[in-house]
Amino acid sequence: MAEDYETLLNKAMTEVPKVVFEKDRFQIPEADVATAGNRTSIKNIKAVASALRRDVDHLAKYLLRELGVAGDMGENQLVVQGKFSKNTVDARIKRYTEEFVLCRECGKPDTKLEKSGKFYVLRCEACGAKNPVRSV
């Protein structure tokens, strides 16, 4: 006996994670930036990467490339050479989020960054879309 549309729809909706239906649940995290001399420290880099559900090394590599500077990871912070304002760092984190976190189809942050051969693919857990992204 074939199931009707409503039954199949209700069954499918129970399979979708509940977080997908929440509104305004995602906030792009702000960086905790401190400047000392000619160095800038991003003190909460691990918390930012965790909030974005991304590897801290991937985020750090992106920030270093976008800022065009050298730097290194400390215990819990990223130290970069040069003076950068909080607004500059936050703008780069926002750009990272738009490129490597948010789904291009539905705009939700429920994505995973997967390596497919030599390339990275952004796979959305909410709508199922797959989009290639550049490597950093």
N, C-alpha and C. Protein backbone atom coordinates (compact mmCIF):
# COMPACT_ATOMS: atom_id res chain seq x y z
N MET A 1 0.84 -1.18 0.00
CA MET A 1 0.00 0.00 0.00
C MET A 1 0.89 1.24 0.00
N ALA A 2 0.64 2.14 -0.89
CA ALA A 2 1.43 3.36 -1.04
C ALA A 2 1.04 4.37 0.04
N GLU A 3 2.05 5.01 0.61
CA GLU A 3 1.79 6.03 1.62
C GLU A 3 1.42 7.34 0.93
N ASP A 4 0.55 8.10 1.57
CA ASP A 4 0.17 9.37 0.96
C ASP A 4 1.24 10.43 1.22
N TYR A 5 1.13 11.52 0.51
CA TYR A 5 2.11 12.61 0.56
C TYR A 5 2.31 13.15 1.96
N GLU A 6 1.24 13.41 2.69
CA GLU A 6 1.32 13.98 4.04
C GLU A 6 2.11 13.07 4.99
N THR A 7 1.88 11.77 4.89
CA THR A 7 2.58 10.82 5.75
C THR A 7 4.07 10.83 5.44
N LEU A 8 4.40 10.81 4.15
CA LEU A 8 5.81 10.84 3.75
C LEU A 8 6.48 12.15 4.16
N LEU A 9 5.76 13.27 4.02
CA LEU A 9 6.31 14.57 4.41
C LEU A 9 6.57 14.62 5.91
N ASN A 10 5.63 14.18 6.70
CA ASN A 10 5.81 14.16 8.15
C ASN A 10 6.99 13.26 8.55
N LYS A 11 7.13 12.14 7.88
CA LYS A 11 8.24 11.23 8.16
C LYS A 11 9.57 11.90 7.83
N ALA A 12 9.63 12.59 6.71
CA ALA A 12 10.85 13.30 6.30
C ALA A 12 11.19 14.43 7.27
N MET A 13 10.19 15.16 7.74
CA MET A 13 10.41 16.27 8.65
C MET A 13 10.95 15.80 10.00
N THR A 14 10.60 14.60 10.41
CA THR A 14 11.13 14.08 11.68
C THR A 14 12.60 13.70 11.55
N GLU A 15 13.07 13.46 10.33
CA GLU A 15 14.46 13.09 10.09
C GLU A 15 15.39 14.31 10.04
N VAL A 16 14.86 15.48 9.78
CA VAL A 16 15.66 16.70 9.68
C VAL A 16 16.03 17.17 11.09
N PRO A 17 17.31 17.52 11.33
CA PRO A 17 17.70 18.00 12.66
C PRO A 17 16.90 19.24 13.08
N LYS A 18 16.56 19.31 14.37
CA LYS A 18 15.74 20.42 14.88
C LYS A 18 16.42 21.77 14.74
N VAL A 19 17.76 21.80 14.80
CA VAL A 19 18.46 23.09 14.73
C VAL A 19 18.27 23.78 13.39
N VAL A 20 17.91 23.03 12.37
CA VAL A 20 17.71 23.61 11.04
C VAL A 20 16.54 24.59 11.05
N PHE A 21 15.56 24.37 11.92
CA PHE A 21 14.36 25.19 11.92
C PHE A 21 14.45 26.41 12.83
N GLU A 22 15.52 26.51 13.63
CA GLU A 22 15.66 27.65 14.53
C GLU A 22 16.02 28.90 13.72
N LYS A 23 15.49 30.03 14.15
CA LYS A 23 15.76 31.31 13.49
C LYS A 23 16.79 32.08 14.30
N ASP A 24 17.63 32.83 13.63
CA ASP A 24 18.62 33.71 14.26
C ASP A 24 19.46 33.00 15.31
N ARG A 25 19.84 31.77 15.05
CA ARG A 25 20.62 31.02 16.01
C ARG A 25 22.11 31.17 15.75
N PHE A 26 22.48 31.67 14.58
CA PHE A 26 23.88 31.76 14.22
C PHE A 26 24.35 33.20 14.23
N GLN A 27 25.38 33.45 15.00
CA GLN A 27 26.01 34.76 15.05
C GLN A 27 27.48 34.56 14.66
N ILE A 28 27.97 35.41 13.78
CA ILE A 28 29.39 35.35 13.45
C ILE A 28 30.16 35.86 14.66
N PRO A 29 31.05 35.03 15.22
CA PRO A 29 31.76 35.43 16.43
C PRO A 29 32.72 36.60 16.18
N GLU A 30 32.91 37.42 17.21
CA GLU A 30 33.84 38.54 17.12
C GLU A 30 35.18 38.13 17.70
N ALA A 31 36.24 38.69 17.12
CA ALA A 31 37.58 38.38 17.58
C ALA A 31 37.94 39.22 18.80
N ASP A 32 38.73 38.63 19.68
CA ASP A 32 39.30 39.33 20.83
C ASP A 32 40.72 39.69 20.42
N VAL A 33 40.92 40.94 20.00
CA VAL A 33 42.18 41.37 19.41
C VAL A 33 42.95 42.26 20.39
N ALA A 34 44.24 41.99 20.51
CA ALA A 34 45.12 42.82 21.33
C ALA A 34 46.39 43.11 20.53
N THR A 35 46.83 44.37 20.56
CA THR A 35 48.03 44.77 19.84
C THR A 35 49.12 45.10 20.86
N ALA A 36 50.28 44.53 20.64
CA ALA A 36 51.44 44.80 21.49
C ALA A 36 52.63 45.06 20.57
N GLY A 37 53.07 46.30 20.52
CA GLY A 37 54.17 46.64 19.63
C GLY A 37 53.75 46.49 18.18
N ASN A 38 54.51 45.69 17.46
CA ASN A 38 54.20 45.47 16.04
C ASN A 38 53.58 44.08 15.82
N ARG A 39 52.91 43.56 16.84
CA ARG A 39 52.25 42.25 16.73
C ARG A 39 50.80 42.36 17.18
N THR A 40 49.96 41.60 16.54
CA THR A 40 48.55 41.55 16.90
C THR A 40 48.21 40.12 17.31
N SER A 41 47.53 39.99 18.43
CA SER A 41 47.12 38.68 18.92
C SER A 41 45.61 38.55 18.79
N ILE A 42 45.18 37.41 18.24
CA ILE A 42 43.77 37.07 18.23
C ILE A 42 43.61 36.02 19.31
N LYS A 43 43.16 36.47 20.47
CA LYS A 43 43.19 35.64 21.68
C LYS A 43 42.17 34.51 21.68
N ASN A 44 41.05 34.67 20.98
CA ASN A 44 40.00 33.66 21.02
C ASN A 44 39.84 32.92 19.69
N ILE A 45 40.95 32.69 18.99
CA ILE A 45 40.90 32.04 17.68
C ILE A 45 40.27 30.64 17.76
N LYS A 46 40.55 29.91 18.84
CA LYS A 46 39.98 28.56 18.97
C LYS A 46 38.47 28.62 19.20
N ALA A 47 38.02 29.59 19.98
CA ALA A 47 36.58 29.74 20.22
C ALA A 47 35.86 30.15 18.94
N VAL A 48 36.49 31.02 18.15
CA VAL A 48 35.89 31.45 16.88
C VAL A 48 35.77 30.25 15.94
N ALA A 49 36.85 29.48 15.82
CA ALA A 49 36.83 28.30 14.94
C ALA A 49 35.80 27.29 15.42
N SER A 50 35.68 27.13 16.71
CA SER A 50 34.69 26.20 17.27
C SER A 50 33.27 26.66 16.97
N ALA A 51 33.01 27.96 17.11
CA ALA A 51 31.68 28.49 16.82
C ALA A 51 31.33 28.33 15.34
N LEU A 52 32.34 28.40 14.47
CA LEU A 52 32.12 28.24 13.04
C LEU A 52 32.14 26.76 12.61
N ARG A 53 32.48 25.89 13.55
CA ARG A 53 32.59 24.45 13.29
C ARG A 53 33.64 24.15 12.22
N ARG A 54 34.78 24.80 12.35
CA ARG A 54 35.88 24.61 11.42
C ARG A 54 37.17 24.35 12.19
N ASP A 55 38.14 23.75 11.51
CA ASP A 55 39.44 23.48 12.09
C ASP A 55 40.17 24.80 12.32
N VAL A 56 40.77 24.96 13.49
CA VAL A 56 41.44 26.20 13.85
C VAL A 56 42.62 26.47 12.90
N ASP A 57 43.30 25.43 12.44
CA ASP A 57 44.42 25.62 11.52
C ASP A 57 43.96 26.16 10.17
N HIS A 58 42.80 25.72 9.71
CA HIS A 58 42.25 26.21 8.44
C HIS A 58 41.91 27.69 8.55
N LEU A 59 41.26 28.07 9.64
CA LEU A 59 40.91 29.48 9.87
C LEU A 59 42.17 30.33 10.01
N ALA A 60 43.15 29.85 10.76
CA ALA A 60 44.40 30.61 10.95
C ALA A 60 45.14 30.80 9.63
N LYS A 61 45.21 29.75 8.84
CA LYS A 61 45.88 29.84 7.53
C LYS A 61 45.18 30.85 6.63
N TYR A 62 43.84 30.85 6.65
CA TYR A 62 43.07 31.81 5.86
C TYR A 62 43.37 33.24 6.32
N LEU A 63 43.34 33.48 7.64
CA LEU A 63 43.57 34.82 8.16
C LEU A 63 44.98 35.32 7.81
N LEU A 64 45.97 34.46 7.94
CA LEU A 64 47.34 34.85 7.60
C LEU A 64 47.46 35.22 6.13
N ARG A 65 46.82 34.44 5.28
CA ARG A 65 46.87 34.73 3.85
C ARG A 65 46.12 36.01 3.51
N GLU A 66 44.94 36.20 4.08
CA GLU A 66 44.13 37.39 3.80
C GLU A 66 44.77 38.67 4.34
N LEU A 67 45.43 38.56 5.49
CA LEU A 67 46.09 39.73 6.06
C LEU A 67 47.46 39.96 5.42
N GLY A 68 47.97 38.96 4.74
CA GLY A 68 49.24 39.08 4.04
C GLY A 68 50.43 39.19 4.97
N VAL A 69 50.39 38.43 6.06
CA VAL A 69 51.46 38.50 7.06
C VAL A 69 51.86 37.10 7.51
N ALA A 70 52.97 37.06 8.22
CA ALA A 70 53.41 35.83 8.85
C ALA A 70 52.86 35.81 10.27
N GLY A 71 52.76 34.63 10.82
CA GLY A 71 52.27 34.49 12.18
C GLY A 71 52.38 33.06 12.64
N ASP A 72 52.04 32.83 13.89
CA ASP A 72 52.09 31.47 14.40
C ASP A 72 51.05 31.28 15.50
N MET A 73 50.68 30.03 15.67
CA MET A 73 49.69 29.66 16.68
C MET A 73 50.41 29.47 18.01
N GLY A 74 49.87 30.11 19.05
CA GLY A 74 50.36 29.89 20.40
C GLY A 74 49.47 28.86 21.07
N GLU A 75 49.42 28.88 22.38
CA GLU A 75 48.56 27.97 23.13
C GLU A 75 47.09 28.13 22.71
N ASN A 76 46.56 29.31 22.89
CA ASN A 76 45.14 29.55 22.58
C ASN A 76 44.93 30.74 21.68
N GLN A 77 46.01 31.25 21.07
CA GLN A 77 45.86 32.47 20.28
C GLN A 77 46.70 32.40 19.02
N LEU A 78 46.34 33.25 18.08
CA LEU A 78 47.09 33.41 16.85
C LEU A 78 47.81 34.75 16.95
N VAL A 79 49.12 34.74 16.80
CA VAL A 79 49.91 35.96 16.86
C VAL A 79 50.40 36.26 15.45
N VAL A 80 50.04 37.44 14.94
CA VAL A 80 50.43 37.85 13.59
C VAL A 80 51.34 39.06 13.66
N GLN A 81 52.20 39.19 12.67
CA GLN A 81 53.09 40.34 12.61
C GLN A 81 52.35 41.49 11.96
N GLY A 82 52.40 42.65 12.57
CA GLY A 82 51.72 43.82 12.05
C GLY A 82 50.60 44.25 12.98
N LYS A 83 50.19 45.49 12.80
CA LYS A 83 49.11 46.04 13.62
C LYS A 83 47.81 45.98 12.83
N PHE A 84 46.82 45.34 13.41
CA PHE A 84 45.51 45.21 12.77
C PHE A 84 44.43 45.54 13.79
N SER A 85 43.44 46.28 13.34
CA SER A 85 42.34 46.64 14.23
C SER A 85 41.37 45.47 14.36
N LYS A 86 40.54 45.54 15.38
CA LYS A 86 39.49 44.55 15.60
C LYS A 86 38.56 44.50 14.40
N ASN A 87 38.24 45.67 13.84
CA ASN A 87 37.34 45.72 12.68
C ASN A 87 37.93 45.00 11.47
N THR A 88 39.23 45.13 11.26
CA THR A 88 39.88 44.46 10.14
C THR A 88 39.82 42.94 10.31
N VAL A 89 40.13 42.47 11.51
CA VAL A 89 40.10 41.03 11.77
C VAL A 89 38.67 40.51 11.68
N ASP A 90 37.71 41.24 12.25
CA ASP A 90 36.31 40.81 12.18
C ASP A 90 35.81 40.74 10.74
N ALA A 91 36.25 41.69 9.90
CA ALA A 91 35.85 41.68 8.49
C ALA A 91 36.38 40.44 7.78
N ARG A 92 37.61 40.03 8.11
CA ARG A 92 38.18 38.82 7.49
C ARG A 92 37.45 37.56 7.99
N ILE A 93 37.08 37.55 9.26
CA ILE A 93 36.33 36.39 9.78
C ILE A 93 34.96 36.32 9.12
N LYS A 94 34.33 37.47 8.90
CA LYS A 94 33.03 37.49 8.21
C LYS A 94 33.18 36.97 6.78
N ARG A 95 34.23 37.39 6.10
CA ARG A 95 34.47 36.92 4.73
C ARG A 95 34.73 35.41 4.72
N TYR A 96 35.48 34.91 5.71
CA TYR A 96 35.73 33.47 5.84
C TYR A 96 34.40 32.72 6.02
N THR A 97 33.55 33.27 6.88
CA THR A 97 32.25 32.65 7.15
C THR A 97 31.42 32.57 5.88
N GLU A 98 31.39 33.65 5.11
CA GLU A 98 30.60 33.66 3.88
C GLU A 98 31.14 32.68 2.86
N GLU A 99 32.45 32.49 2.82
CA GLU A 99 33.04 31.62 1.81
C GLU A 99 33.12 30.16 2.23
N PHE A 100 33.42 29.89 3.52
CA PHE A 100 33.70 28.53 3.94
C PHE A 100 32.71 27.95 4.95
N VAL A 101 31.69 28.71 5.37
CA VAL A 101 30.75 28.19 6.37
C VAL A 101 29.31 28.22 5.86
N LEU A 102 28.84 29.34 5.38
CA LEU A 102 27.43 29.47 4.98
C LEU A 102 27.17 28.79 3.64
N CYS A 103 26.05 28.08 3.57
CA CYS A 103 25.64 27.40 2.34
C CYS A 103 25.29 28.44 1.27
N ARG A 104 25.74 28.21 0.07
CA ARG A 104 25.45 29.14 -1.02
C ARG A 104 24.02 29.02 -1.53
N GLU A 105 23.39 27.89 -1.24
CA GLU A 105 22.02 27.67 -1.71
C GLU A 105 20.98 28.19 -0.71
N CYS A 106 21.10 27.77 0.55
CA CYS A 106 20.07 28.13 1.53
C CYS A 106 20.53 29.15 2.57
N GLY A 107 21.83 29.43 2.62
CA GLY A 107 22.35 30.43 3.54
C GLY A 107 22.51 29.97 4.98
N LYS A 108 22.30 28.70 5.25
CA LYS A 108 22.41 28.19 6.62
C LYS A 108 23.85 27.80 6.94
N PRO A 109 24.22 27.84 8.22
CA PRO A 109 25.58 27.49 8.61
C PRO A 109 25.79 25.99 8.86
N ASP A 110 24.82 25.19 8.56
CA ASP A 110 24.89 23.75 8.82
C ASP A 110 25.66 23.03 7.72
N THR A 111 26.95 23.34 7.62
CA THR A 111 27.76 22.79 6.55
C THR A 111 28.98 22.08 7.11
N LYS A 112 29.56 21.25 6.27
CA LYS A 112 30.81 20.58 6.59
C LYS A 112 31.76 20.83 5.43
N LEU A 113 33.00 21.06 5.77
CA LEU A 113 34.05 21.24 4.78
C LEU A 113 34.72 19.89 4.59
N GLU A 114 34.58 19.32 3.40
CA GLU A 114 35.11 17.99 3.14
C GLU A 114 36.14 18.05 2.03
N LYS A 115 37.14 17.22 2.15
CA LYS A 115 38.15 17.14 1.11
C LYS A 115 37.77 16.03 0.15
N SER A 116 37.66 16.38 -1.12
CA SER A 116 37.32 15.41 -2.15
C SER A 116 38.48 15.37 -3.15
N GLY A 117 39.38 14.42 -2.98
CA GLY A 117 40.57 14.38 -3.81
C GLY A 117 41.49 15.54 -3.43
N LYS A 118 41.79 16.40 -4.40
CA LYS A 118 42.64 17.55 -4.14
C LYS A 118 41.82 18.79 -3.78
N PHE A 119 40.52 18.69 -3.87
CA PHE A 119 39.66 19.86 -3.71
C PHE A 119 38.81 19.78 -2.45
N TYR A 120 38.39 20.95 -1.98
CA TYR A 120 37.48 21.03 -0.85
C TYR A 120 36.06 21.27 -1.36
N VAL A 121 35.11 20.64 -0.70
CA VAL A 121 33.70 20.78 -1.04
C VAL A 121 32.94 21.18 0.22
N LEU A 122 32.06 22.16 0.08
CA LEU A 122 31.21 22.60 1.19
C LEU A 122 29.89 21.87 1.04
N ARG A 123 29.60 20.94 1.98
CA ARG A 123 28.38 20.15 1.91
C ARG A 123 27.41 20.62 2.97
N CYS A 124 26.20 20.99 2.55
CA CYS A 124 25.18 21.49 3.46
C CYS A 124 24.37 20.33 4.02
N GLU A 125 24.26 20.30 5.34
CA GLU A 125 23.47 19.25 5.99
C GLU A 125 21.99 19.60 6.01
N ALA A 126 21.66 20.87 5.76
CA ALA A 126 20.26 21.29 5.78
C ALA A 126 19.57 21.01 4.44
N CYS A 127 20.21 21.42 3.34
CA CYS A 127 19.54 21.27 2.03
C CYS A 127 20.21 20.24 1.13
N GLY A 128 21.39 19.77 1.51
CA GLY A 128 22.07 18.74 0.72
C GLY A 128 22.93 19.27 -0.41
N ALA A 129 23.04 20.57 -0.56
CA ALA A 129 23.83 21.15 -1.65
C ALA A 129 25.32 20.89 -1.44
N LYS A 130 26.03 20.77 -2.54
CA LYS A 130 27.48 20.62 -2.51
C LYS A 130 28.06 21.68 -3.43
N ASN A 131 29.02 22.44 -2.90
CA ASN A 131 29.66 23.49 -3.69
C ASN A 131 31.16 23.42 -3.48
N PRO A 132 31.93 23.54 -4.57
CA PRO A 132 33.38 23.56 -4.41
C PRO A 132 33.83 24.90 -3.80
N VAL A 133 34.88 24.84 -2.98
CA VAL A 133 35.47 26.05 -2.43
C VAL A 133 36.96 26.02 -2.70
N ARG A 134 37.56 27.19 -2.74
CA ARG A 134 39.00 27.26 -3.02
C ARG A 134 39.79 26.77 -1.81
N SER A 135 40.99 26.33 -2.07
CA SER A 135 41.84 25.91 -0.95
C SER A 135 42.59 27.14 -0.43
N VAL A 136 42.98 27.06 0.83
CA VAL A 136 43.72 28.18 1.43
C VAL A 136 45.18 27.85 1.57
